[in-house]
Protein backbone atom coordinates (compact mmCIF):
# COMPACT_ATOMS: atom_id res chain seq x y z
CA MET A 1 90.98 72.04 108.48
CA GLN A 2 93.10 72.54 112.05
CA ASN A 3 91.68 74.83 114.55
CA ASN A 4 94.65 77.47 115.21
CA ILE A 5 92.35 79.15 117.65
CA ASP A 6 93.81 78.55 121.11
CA THR A 7 91.43 77.00 123.43
CA ASP A 8 93.32 76.56 126.21
CA SER A 9 91.82 78.79 129.12
CA LYS A 10 95.30 79.91 130.34
CA ASN A 11 95.33 83.46 130.30
CA GLN A 12 91.73 83.92 128.27
CA GLY A 13 89.31 83.19 130.74
CA THR A 14 87.62 79.85 131.90
CA ALA A 15 86.65 77.11 129.53
CA ASP A 16 83.04 77.88 130.48
CA GLY A 17 83.10 81.43 129.26
CA GLN A 18 83.50 83.40 132.43
CA THR A 19 86.25 85.25 133.36
CA ALA A 20 88.21 85.25 136.76
CA ASP A 21 85.53 87.56 138.12
CA GLY A 22 82.51 85.27 137.22
CA SER A 23 81.30 87.78 134.36
CA GLU A 24 80.06 85.91 131.02
CA VAL A 25 82.82 85.92 127.92
CA LYS A 26 81.27 85.14 124.59
CA LYS A 27 82.78 82.47 122.95
CA ASP A 28 85.51 84.50 121.10
CA SER A 29 86.39 88.16 121.83
CA VAL A 30 88.52 90.53 119.50
CA ALA A 31 89.56 94.05 120.52
CA LEU A 32 91.92 96.23 118.09
CA CYS A 33 93.84 99.21 120.24
CA ILE A 34 95.45 101.25 117.66
CA ILE A 35 98.27 103.30 118.99
CA ASN A 36 97.84 107.17 118.17
CA PRO A 37 96.60 106.60 114.41
CA LYS A 38 97.42 109.33 112.28
CA SER A 39 95.13 109.10 109.32
CA PRO A 40 91.29 109.18 109.27
CA GLN A 41 91.37 107.20 106.24
CA ASN A 42 93.44 104.30 107.66
CA MET A 43 90.91 104.56 110.73
CA GLY A 44 88.02 104.39 108.46
CA SER A 45 89.16 101.46 106.59
CA ILE A 46 90.19 99.89 110.13
CA LEU A 47 86.60 100.27 111.37
CA ARG A 48 85.38 98.85 108.29
CA ALA A 49 87.57 95.58 108.63
CA ALA A 50 86.31 95.26 112.37
CA GLY A 51 82.77 95.49 110.96
CA CYS A 52 83.56 92.73 108.33
CA TYR A 53 85.87 90.47 110.66
CA GLY A 54 83.65 90.61 113.77
CA ALA A 55 85.69 92.84 116.12
CA ASP A 56 84.04 93.53 119.14
CA THR A 57 85.77 97.18 120.36
CA ILE A 58 88.54 99.26 118.97
CA TYR A 59 90.38 101.45 121.19
CA TYR A 60 92.82 104.04 120.39
CA THR A 61 95.61 106.32 122.09
CA GLY A 62 96.55 110.01 121.33
CA GLU A 63 94.90 112.93 120.04
CA ARG A 64 95.49 112.79 116.46
CA TYR A 65 92.38 110.53 115.77
CA ALA A 66 89.98 112.60 118.10
CA ARG A 67 91.00 115.27 116.04
CA ALA A 68 90.70 113.82 112.68
CA ARG A 69 87.03 112.09 113.42
CA ALA A 70 85.35 114.74 111.83
CA PHE A 71 86.47 113.19 108.14
CA ASN A 72 83.84 110.66 108.92
CA THR A 73 85.73 108.03 106.85
CA ASP A 74 83.60 105.41 108.61
CA THR A 75 81.46 105.03 105.07
CA LYS A 76 79.56 101.52 106.78
CA ASN A 77 78.79 103.35 109.99
CA VAL A 78 80.66 100.71 112.00
CA GLY A 79 81.52 103.16 115.09
CA LEU A 80 77.77 103.05 115.64
CA ASN A 81 77.95 99.26 116.30
CA ILE A 82 81.42 98.70 117.31
CA PRO A 83 82.46 100.55 120.47
CA VAL A 84 85.42 103.08 119.75
CA GLU A 85 86.88 104.31 122.80
CA GLN A 86 90.22 106.46 123.52
CA VAL A 87 92.22 105.01 126.17
CA THR A 88 95.76 106.52 127.85
CA THR A 89 97.65 103.20 127.04
CA PRO A 90 96.51 99.63 126.10
CA GLU A 91 95.13 97.50 128.51
CA PRO A 92 93.08 94.59 128.23
CA ALA A 93 90.25 93.36 130.66
CA PRO A 94 91.95 90.52 133.15
CA GLY A 95 91.68 87.06 131.33
CA ILE A 96 92.44 88.82 127.60
CA ALA A 97 95.70 88.02 125.84
CA MET A 98 97.45 90.96 124.57
CA VAL A 99 99.02 90.60 121.12
CA ALA A 100 101.32 93.20 119.42
CA VAL A 101 101.11 92.89 116.13
CA GLU A 102 105.08 94.60 114.68
CA LEU A 103 107.82 94.08 112.42
CA VAL A 104 110.13 93.58 115.38
CA GLU A 105 112.86 91.08 115.76
CA GLY A 106 111.90 88.00 117.72
CA ALA A 107 108.46 87.75 116.83
CA THR A 108 106.05 85.05 115.44
CA PRO A 109 105.59 85.03 111.88
CA LEU A 110 101.51 85.29 111.27
CA PRO A 111 101.11 81.95 109.42
CA HIS A 112 102.81 80.11 112.56
CA PHE A 113 100.38 82.03 115.37
CA ARG A 114 97.88 80.41 117.23
CA HIS A 115 95.46 83.23 117.72
CA PRO A 116 94.39 83.26 121.65
CA LYS A 117 90.71 82.69 121.63
CA HIS A 118 89.97 86.43 123.80
CA ALA A 119 92.50 88.34 122.17
CA TYR A 120 93.42 92.36 122.49
CA TYR A 121 95.92 92.86 119.42
CA VAL A 122 97.73 96.10 119.66
CA PHE A 123 99.11 98.21 116.48
CA GLY A 124 101.64 100.92 115.95
CA PRO A 125 101.22 104.35 114.60
CA GLU A 126 101.78 104.84 110.38
CA ASP A 127 105.01 106.70 111.50
CA GLY A 128 106.66 105.17 114.59
CA SER A 129 106.35 101.66 116.28
CA ILE A 130 104.97 100.21 119.31
CA GLU A 131 107.04 101.39 122.71
CA GLN A 132 109.00 99.04 124.05
CA SER A 133 107.04 99.29 127.61
CA VAL A 134 104.05 98.15 125.81
CA LEU A 135 105.76 95.06 123.79
CA ASP A 136 107.24 93.99 127.17
CA ARG A 137 103.66 93.48 128.60
CA CYS A 138 102.41 91.32 125.58
CA GLN A 139 102.07 87.94 125.75
CA HIS A 140 102.44 87.28 122.22
CA VAL A 141 104.20 89.59 119.57
CA VAL A 142 103.31 88.62 116.14
CA TYR A 143 104.59 89.98 112.10
CA VAL A 144 103.52 89.74 109.01
CA PRO A 145 106.22 88.22 106.35
CA THR A 146 106.01 90.82 103.61
CA LYS A 147 108.96 92.17 101.87
CA GLY A 148 108.85 96.20 103.17
CA CYS A 149 106.17 97.13 105.75
CA MET A 150 102.21 97.46 105.33
CA ASN A 151 99.97 100.30 105.62
CA LEU A 152 98.40 100.18 109.08
CA ALA A 153 94.88 99.47 107.71
CA ALA A 154 96.15 96.73 105.25
CA THR A 155 98.31 94.96 108.11
CA VAL A 156 94.94 95.02 110.50
CA ASN A 157 93.01 93.62 107.59
CA VAL A 158 95.27 90.57 107.49
CA LEU A 159 95.42 89.93 110.88
CA LEU A 160 91.93 89.55 111.03
CA TYR A 161 91.84 87.52 107.86
CA ASP A 162 94.01 85.38 109.49
CA ARG A 163 92.41 84.78 112.58
CA LEU A 164 88.89 83.98 110.81
CA ALA A 165 90.71 81.55 108.49
CA LYS A 166 92.02 79.50 111.23
CA SER A 167 88.73 79.64 113.05
CA ASN A 168 86.41 76.79 112.76
CA ASN A 169 83.50 79.42 113.31
CA THR A 170 83.78 80.42 110.04
CA GLN A 171 80.35 80.13 107.97
CA TYR A 172 80.66 79.61 104.01
CA GLY A 173 78.13 79.72 101.50
CA ASP A 174 75.75 81.75 99.24
CA GLN A 175 73.87 83.03 102.01
CA VAL A 176 76.98 84.90 103.23
CA ILE A 177 77.93 85.98 99.81
CA VAL A 178 74.48 87.57 99.47
CA ALA A 179 74.26 89.28 103.23
CA SER A 180 77.63 90.33 102.52
CA ARG A 181 77.61 92.20 99.33
CA ASP A 182 76.78 95.65 99.04
CA THR A 183 73.79 96.89 96.43
CA ASN A 184 76.15 97.18 93.25
CA ASN A 185 77.21 93.54 93.22
CA ARG A 186 74.52 91.19 91.80
CA THR A 187 76.74 88.71 89.77
CA SER A 188 76.83 85.23 90.13
CA VAL A 189 79.18 82.39 88.81
CA LEU A 190 77.38 79.62 86.53
CA ASN A 191 78.38 76.36 87.52
CA LYS A 192 80.07 74.26 84.54
CA ALA A 193 76.83 72.24 84.18
CA GLN A 194 74.72 75.72 83.74
CA SER A 195 77.27 77.03 81.17
CA GLN A 196 77.62 74.23 78.94
CA ASP A 197 73.83 73.70 78.69
CA GLN A 198 73.81 77.44 76.69
């Protein structure tokens, strides 16, 4: 499988895992920035997706989520392990590529997109779009080619899954399943040889 994570060091830190200022950067880094999120349920789903797909940090702008946090929709307590920070405007660290995810003319379809090794993904609010001034600062703008627009949390999940599917760092096998499933799932698939013997 071809690796569709861009390993070019331009705008993404140096090849040896250091930023321009010499600080260490892990092999890949993923940050999410949600513009003025409205729904605590969406943010709960985004937190869970961030945990499942290994995002490092979640940023959000605006006041709506800060007020809604009391609803505690983070059922897996991901917010205890992944920093969730309020910011004034999307602003990645130096060396991190800013990628807007928005249904906008001229954007790259997600299936054709090579994810930057170090990415700061920006998502618009449920009831609006990413401002032009933010889009203008992005190195990339991508969209998910669906019929109609998806829910914010669904879009985050699809984007993060696409990154995972295109990565060479993905682990497979029963060990991953056992470590990932919840306590209510103890089923398994019998292979054909086992089922024919019964």
